[in-house]
C-alpha atoms as a PDB file:
ATOM      1  CA  MET A   1      21.794  57.426  40.045  1.00  0.00           C
ATOM      2  CA  PHE A   2      21.207  53.725  40.635  1.00  0.00           C
ATOM      3  CA  LYS A   3      17.586  52.579  41.079  1.00  0.00           C
ATOM      4  CA  VAL A   4      17.422  49.932  43.790  1.00  0.00           C
ATOM      5  CA  ASP A   5      13.842  49.037  42.793  1.00  0.00           C
ATOM      6  CA  LEU A   6      15.233  47.111  39.816  1.00  0.00           C
ATOM      7  CA  LEU A   7      16.613  44.461  42.153  1.00  0.00           C
ATOM      8  CA  PHE A   8      13.452  43.543  44.038  1.00  0.00           C
ATOM      9  CA  HIS A   9      11.765  41.557  41.268  1.00  0.00           C
ATOM     10  CA  GLU A  10      14.231  38.718  41.889  1.00  0.00           C
ATOM     11  CA  TYR A  11      12.497  38.039  45.198  1.00  0.00           C
ATOM     12  CA  GLY A  12       8.889  38.807  44.337  1.00  0.00           C
ATOM     13  CA  SER A  13       6.816  39.918  47.280  1.00  0.00           C
ATOM     14  CA  GLN A  14       8.714  37.885  49.866  1.00  0.00           C
ATOM     15  CA  LYS A  15       8.757  39.376  53.316  1.00  0.00           C
ATOM     16  CA  HIS A  16      12.156  40.920  54.151  1.00  0.00           C
ATOM     17  CA  SER A  17      13.283  40.934  50.510  1.00  0.00           C
ATOM     18  CA  GLU A  18      14.965  44.215  51.465  1.00  0.00           C
ATOM     19  CA  LEU A  19      17.586  42.173  53.311  1.00  0.00           C
ATOM     20  CA  ALA A  20      18.188  40.003  50.245  1.00  0.00           C
ATOM     21  CA  VAL A  21      18.725  43.094  48.103  1.00  0.00           C
ATOM     22  CA  THR A  22      21.062  44.564  50.728  1.00  0.00           C
ATOM     23  CA  LEU A  23      23.021  41.317  50.688  1.00  0.00           C
ATOM     24  CA  ASP A  24      23.251  41.398  46.882  1.00  0.00           C
ATOM     25  CA  LEU A  25      24.525  44.968  46.964  1.00  0.00           C
ATOM     26  CA  LEU A  26      27.153  44.053  49.550  1.00  0.00           C
ATOM     27  CA  LYS A  27      28.293  41.119  47.422  1.00  0.00           C
ATOM     28  CA  ALA A  28      28.650  43.457  44.448  1.00  0.00           C
ATOM     29  CA  LEU A  29      30.706  45.937  46.474  1.00  0.00           C
ATOM     30  CA  TYR A  30      32.886  43.138  47.777  1.00  0.00           C
ATOM     31  CA  GLY A  31      33.583  41.985  44.223  1.00  0.00           C
ATOM     32  CA  ILE A  32      34.340  45.477  42.958  1.00  0.00           C
ATOM     33  CA  HIS A  33      36.729  46.323  45.786  1.00  0.00           C
ATOM     34  CA  GLN A  34      38.498  42.965  45.817  1.00  0.00           C
ATOM     35  CA  THR A  35      38.982  43.034  42.045  1.00  0.00           C
ATOM     36  CA  HIS A  36      40.487  46.506  42.320  1.00  0.00           C
ATOM     37  CA  HIS A  37      42.743  45.209  45.098  1.00  0.00           C
ATOM     38  CA  TRP A  38      44.104  42.582  42.697  1.00  0.00           C
ATOM     39  CA  GLN A  39      44.302  44.828  39.631  1.00  0.00           C
ATOM     40  CA  VAL A  40      45.760  48.067  40.972  1.00  0.00           C
ATOM     41  CA  SER A  41      49.229  49.054  39.780  1.00  0.00           C
ATOM     42  CA  GLY A  42      51.359  52.145  39.284  1.00  0.00           C
ATOM     43  CA  HIS A  43      53.216  54.531  41.527  1.00  0.00           C
ATOM     44  CA  THR A  44      50.440  54.489  44.156  1.00  0.00           C
ATOM     45  CA  PHE A  45      50.186  50.704  44.085  1.00  0.00           C
ATOM     46  CA  TYR A  46      50.949  49.914  47.702  1.00  0.00           C
ATOM     47  CA  ALA A  47      48.667  52.539  49.242  1.00  0.00           C
ATOM     48  CA  ASP A  48      45.824  51.745  46.838  1.00  0.00           C
ATOM     49  CA  HIS A  49      46.310  47.994  47.309  1.00  0.00           C
ATOM     50  CA  LEU A  50      45.891  48.459  51.070  1.00  0.00           C
ATOM     51  CA  LEU A  51      42.941  50.837  50.620  1.00  0.00           C
ATOM     52  CA  PHE A  52      41.027  48.332  48.494  1.00  0.00           C
ATOM     53  CA  GLU A  53      41.885  45.571  50.964  1.00  0.00           C
ATOM     54  CA  ARG A  54      40.396  47.633  53.777  1.00  0.00           C
ATOM     55  CA  LEU A  55      37.278  48.207  51.698  1.00  0.00           C
ATOM     56  CA  TYR A  56      36.610  44.594  50.800  1.00  0.00           C
ATOM     57  CA  LYS A  57      37.419  43.307  54.288  1.00  0.00           C
ATOM     58  CA  THR A  58      34.920  45.749  55.780  1.00  0.00           C
ATOM     59  CA  VAL A  59      32.226  44.553  53.375  1.00  0.00           C
ATOM     60  CA  ARG A  60      33.075  40.876  53.904  1.00  0.00           C
ATOM     61  CA  LYS A  61      32.302  41.217  57.623  1.00  0.00           C
ATOM     62  CA  GLN A  62      28.891  42.681  56.846  1.00  0.00           C
ATOM     63  CA  ILE A  63      27.754  40.019  54.387  1.00  0.00           C
ATOM     64  CA  ASP A  64      27.298  37.173  56.857  1.00  0.00           C
ATOM     65  CA  GLY A  65      25.291  39.241  59.334  1.00  0.00           C
ATOM     66  CA  VAL A  66      22.849  40.406  56.688  1.00  0.00           C
ATOM     67  CA  ALA A  67      22.512  36.915  55.171  1.00  0.00           C
ATOM     68  CA  GLU A  68      21.799  35.297  58.526  1.00  0.00           C
ATOM     69  CA  ARG A  69      19.240  37.979  59.372  1.00  0.00           C
ATOM     70  CA  ALA A  70      17.535  37.464  55.977  1.00  0.00           C
ATOM     71  CA  VAL A  71      17.232  33.715  56.497  1.00  0.00           C
ATOM     72  CA  GLY A  72      16.183  34.116  60.128  1.00  0.00           C
ATOM     73  CA  LEU A  73      13.428  36.621  59.390  1.00  0.00           C
ATOM     74  CA  GLY A  74      12.438  35.440  55.921  1.00  0.00           C
ATOM     75  CA  ASN A  75      13.574  32.179  54.384  1.00  0.00           C
ATOM     76  CA  SER A  76      16.508  30.582  52.588  1.00  0.00           C
ATOM     77  CA  GLU A  77      15.273  31.818  49.200  1.00  0.00           C
ATOM     78  CA  LEU A  78      16.411  35.286  50.248  1.00  0.00           C
ATOM     79  CA  VAL A  79      19.999  34.070  49.847  1.00  0.00           C
ATOM     80  CA  ASN A  80      19.422  32.329  46.508  1.00  0.00           C
ATOM     81  CA  LEU A  81      22.673  32.333  44.535  1.00  0.00           C
ATOM     82  CA  ARG A  82      21.153  32.748  41.066  1.00  0.00           C
ATOM     83  CA  SER A  83      19.009  35.703  42.100  1.00  0.00           C
ATOM     84  CA  SER A  84      21.955  37.238  43.900  1.00  0.00           C
ATOM     85  CA  LEU A  85      24.278  36.874  40.910  1.00  0.00           C
ATOM     86  CA  ARG A  86      21.727  38.520  38.613  1.00  0.00           C
ATOM     87  CA  ASN A  87      21.428  41.463  41.008  1.00  0.00           C
ATOM     88  CA  VAL A  88      25.200  41.716  41.473  1.00  0.00           C
ATOM     89  CA  THR A  89      25.538  41.929  37.689  1.00  0.00           C
ATOM     90  CA  ARG A  90      22.831  44.620  37.480  1.00  0.00           C
ATOM     91  CA  PHE A  91      24.581  46.716  40.104  1.00  0.00           C
ATOM     92  CA  VAL A  92      28.044  46.342  38.562  1.00  0.00           C
ATOM     93  CA  ASP A  93      26.629  47.221  35.140  1.00  0.00           C
ATOM     94  CA  ALA A  94      24.945  50.337  36.573  1.00  0.00           C
ATOM     95  CA  VAL A  95      28.195  51.452  38.198  1.00  0.00           C
ATOM     96  CA  ASP A  96      30.179  50.815  35.010  1.00  0.00           C
ATOM     97  CA  MET A  97      27.678  52.781  32.936  1.00  0.00           C
ATOM     98  CA  SER A  98      27.814  55.711  35.346  1.00  0.00           C
ATOM     99  CA  VAL A  99      31.559  56.039  35.738  1.00  0.00           C
ATOM    100  CA  ASN A 100      32.676  59.339  34.294  1.00  0.00           C
ATOM    101  CA  ILE A 101      35.271  58.382  31.695  1.00  0.00           C
ATOM    102  CA  GLU A 102      37.896  61.100  31.749  1.00  0.00           C
ATOM    103  CA  GLU A 103      41.003  61.632  29.703  1.00  0.00           C
ATOM    104  CA  SER A 104      43.423  60.047  32.105  1.00  0.00           C
ATOM    105  CA  ASN A 105      46.096  57.421  31.967  1.00  0.00           C
ATOM    106  CA  ASP A 106      45.802  56.809  35.714  1.00  0.00           C
ATOM    107  CA  GLU A 107      44.089  53.417  35.916  1.00  0.00           C
ATOM    108  CA  ALA A 108      44.407  53.330  39.709  1.00  0.00           C
ATOM    109  CA  LEU A 109      42.506  56.606  40.013  1.00  0.00           C
ATOM    110  CA  ARG A 110      39.773  55.229  37.732  1.00  0.00           C
ATOM    111  CA  MET A 111      39.439  52.242  40.080  1.00  0.00           C
ATOM    112  CA  VAL A 112      39.218  54.528  43.116  1.00  0.00           C
ATOM    113  CA  ARG A 113      36.548  56.629  41.418  1.00  0.00           C
ATOM    114  CA  THR A 114      34.617  53.496  40.464  1.00  0.00           C
ATOM    115  CA  SER A 115      34.720  52.205  44.046  1.00  0.00           C
ATOM    116  CA  TYR A 116      33.633  55.630  45.297  1.00  0.00           C
ATOM    117  CA  LEU A 117      30.662  55.721  42.915  1.00  0.00           C
ATOM    118  CA  ALA A 118      29.689  52.166  43.889  1.00  0.00           C
ATOM    119  CA  GLU A 119      29.790  53.150  47.553  1.00  0.00           C
ATOM    120  CA  LYS A 120      27.632  56.238  46.897  1.00  0.00           C
ATOM    121  CA  PHE A 121      25.093  54.098  45.022  1.00  0.00           C
ATOM    122  CA  PHE A 122      25.083  51.603  47.887  1.00  0.00           C
ATOM    123  CA  ILE A 123      24.523  54.277  50.533  1.00  0.00           C
ATOM    124  CA  SER A 124      21.615  55.751  48.601  1.00  0.00           C
ATOM    125  CA  ALA A 125      20.090  52.300  48.068  1.00  0.00           C
ATOM    126  CA  LEU A 126      20.489  51.314  51.728  1.00  0.00           C
ATOM    127  CA  GLU A 127      18.836  54.543  52.856  1.00  0.00           C
ATOM    128  CA  ASP A 128      15.873  53.735  50.582  1.00  0.00           C
ATOM    129  CA  ILE A 129      15.755  50.153  51.862  1.00  0.00           C
ATOM    130  CA  MET A 130      15.723  51.333  55.467  1.00  0.00           C
ATOM    131  CA  LYS A 131      12.868  53.743  54.704  1.00  0.00           C
ATOM    132  CA  ASP A 132      10.917  50.900  53.057  1.00  0.00           C
ATOM    133  CA  LEU A 133      11.429  48.611  56.048  1.00  0.00           C
ATOM    134  CA  LYS A 134      10.206  51.348  58.397  1.00  0.00           C
ATOM    135  CA  ALA A 135       7.189  52.095  56.193  1.00  0.00           C
ATOM    136  CA  LYS A 136       6.278  48.377  56.177  1.00  0.00           C
ATOM    137  CA  ASN A 137       6.719  48.244  59.952  1.00  0.00           C
ATOM    138  CA  LEU A 138       9.424  45.584  59.553  1.00  0.00           C
ATOM    139  CA  MET A 139      12.286  47.521  61.128  1.00  0.00           C
ATOM    140  CA  SER A 140      13.119  46.111  64.544  1.00  0.00           C
ATOM    141  CA  PHE A 141      15.593  47.909  66.797  1.00  0.00           C
ATOM    142  CA  GLY A 142      18.166  45.205  66.103  1.00  0.00           C
ATOM    143  CA  MET A 143      17.753  45.438  62.338  1.00  0.00           C
ATOM    144  CA  GLU A 144      17.932  49.219  62.493  1.00  0.00           C
ATOM    145  CA  GLN A 145      21.173  48.943  64.441  1.00  0.00           C
ATOM    146  CA  LEU A 146      22.617  46.380  62.012  1.00  0.00           C
ATOM    147  CA  LEU A 147      21.762  48.411  58.913  1.00  0.00           C
ATOM    148  CA  GLY A 148      22.609  51.728  60.563  1.00  0.00           C
ATOM    149  CA  THR A 149      26.057  50.437  61.493  1.00  0.00           C
ATOM    150  CA  ILE A 150      26.596  49.222  57.938  1.00  0.00           C
ATOM    151  CA  LEU A 151      25.503  52.605  56.603  1.00  0.00           C
ATOM    152  CA  ASP A 152      27.869  54.392  58.970  1.00  0.00           C
ATOM    153  CA  GLU A 153      30.806  52.196  57.945  1.00  0.00           C
ATOM    154  CA  HIS A 154      30.172  52.855  54.253  1.00  0.00           C
ATOM    155  CA  GLU A 155      30.037  56.588  54.843  1.00  0.00           C
ATOM    156  CA  GLY A 156      33.499  56.184  56.387  1.00  0.00           C
ATOM    157  CA  LEU A 157      34.708  54.234  53.359  1.00  0.00           C
ATOM    158  CA  CYS A 158      33.429  57.008  51.079  1.00  0.00           C
ATOM    159  CA  TYR A 159      35.436  59.497  53.089  1.00  0.00           C
ATOM    160  CA  LEU A 160      38.624  57.445  52.578  1.00  0.00           C
ATOM    161  CA  LEU A 161      38.001  57.123  48.847  1.00  0.00           C
ATOM    162  CA  LYS A 162      37.211  60.838  48.529  1.00  0.00           C
ATOM    163  CA  GLN A 163      40.490  61.706  50.260  1.00  0.00           C
ATOM    164  CA  ARG A 164      42.376  59.488  47.813  1.00  0.00           C
ATOM    165  CA  ILE A 165      40.645  61.180  44.870  1.00  0.00           C
ATOM    166  CA  LYS A 166      41.600  64.627  46.229  1.00  0.00           C
ATOM    167  CA  THR A 167      45.283  63.671  46.355  1.00  0.00           C
ATOM    168  CA  ALA A 168      45.349  62.743  42.666  1.00  0.00           C
END
């Protein structure tokens, strides 16, 4: 399982660094899903192409809200591009290392499984982040609603990916 703690050192002890890490994770998911959208092929191309489009468009909507909240509550360093890119790379590497390589010629199914695993890692990380914010007494009702809505949407995306995996 992915360890979200590895991403916090990019932001030191800055207040609301949890939002910066959430933003980095969303950027990684966006990149994974959009790349799969472009790369998918095969007999399930059209359905998978649309599935990945739905995934990355959902994530894209979430990115701006989290970034603006991070800057508003913390500072602009919480949306630092270099730190974000390092964390995006760490997350993508962790997903790639954890993908169960199976004997299969179905590249589209591998992409779906990779997106599913990335989503599961994200959900686990966001749950930990929300617990940390509550423990630090930094979780306002608005932030809880923002992050809770994001969590709910990603659970829905996992359901869609799981259904696609079952049909393979």
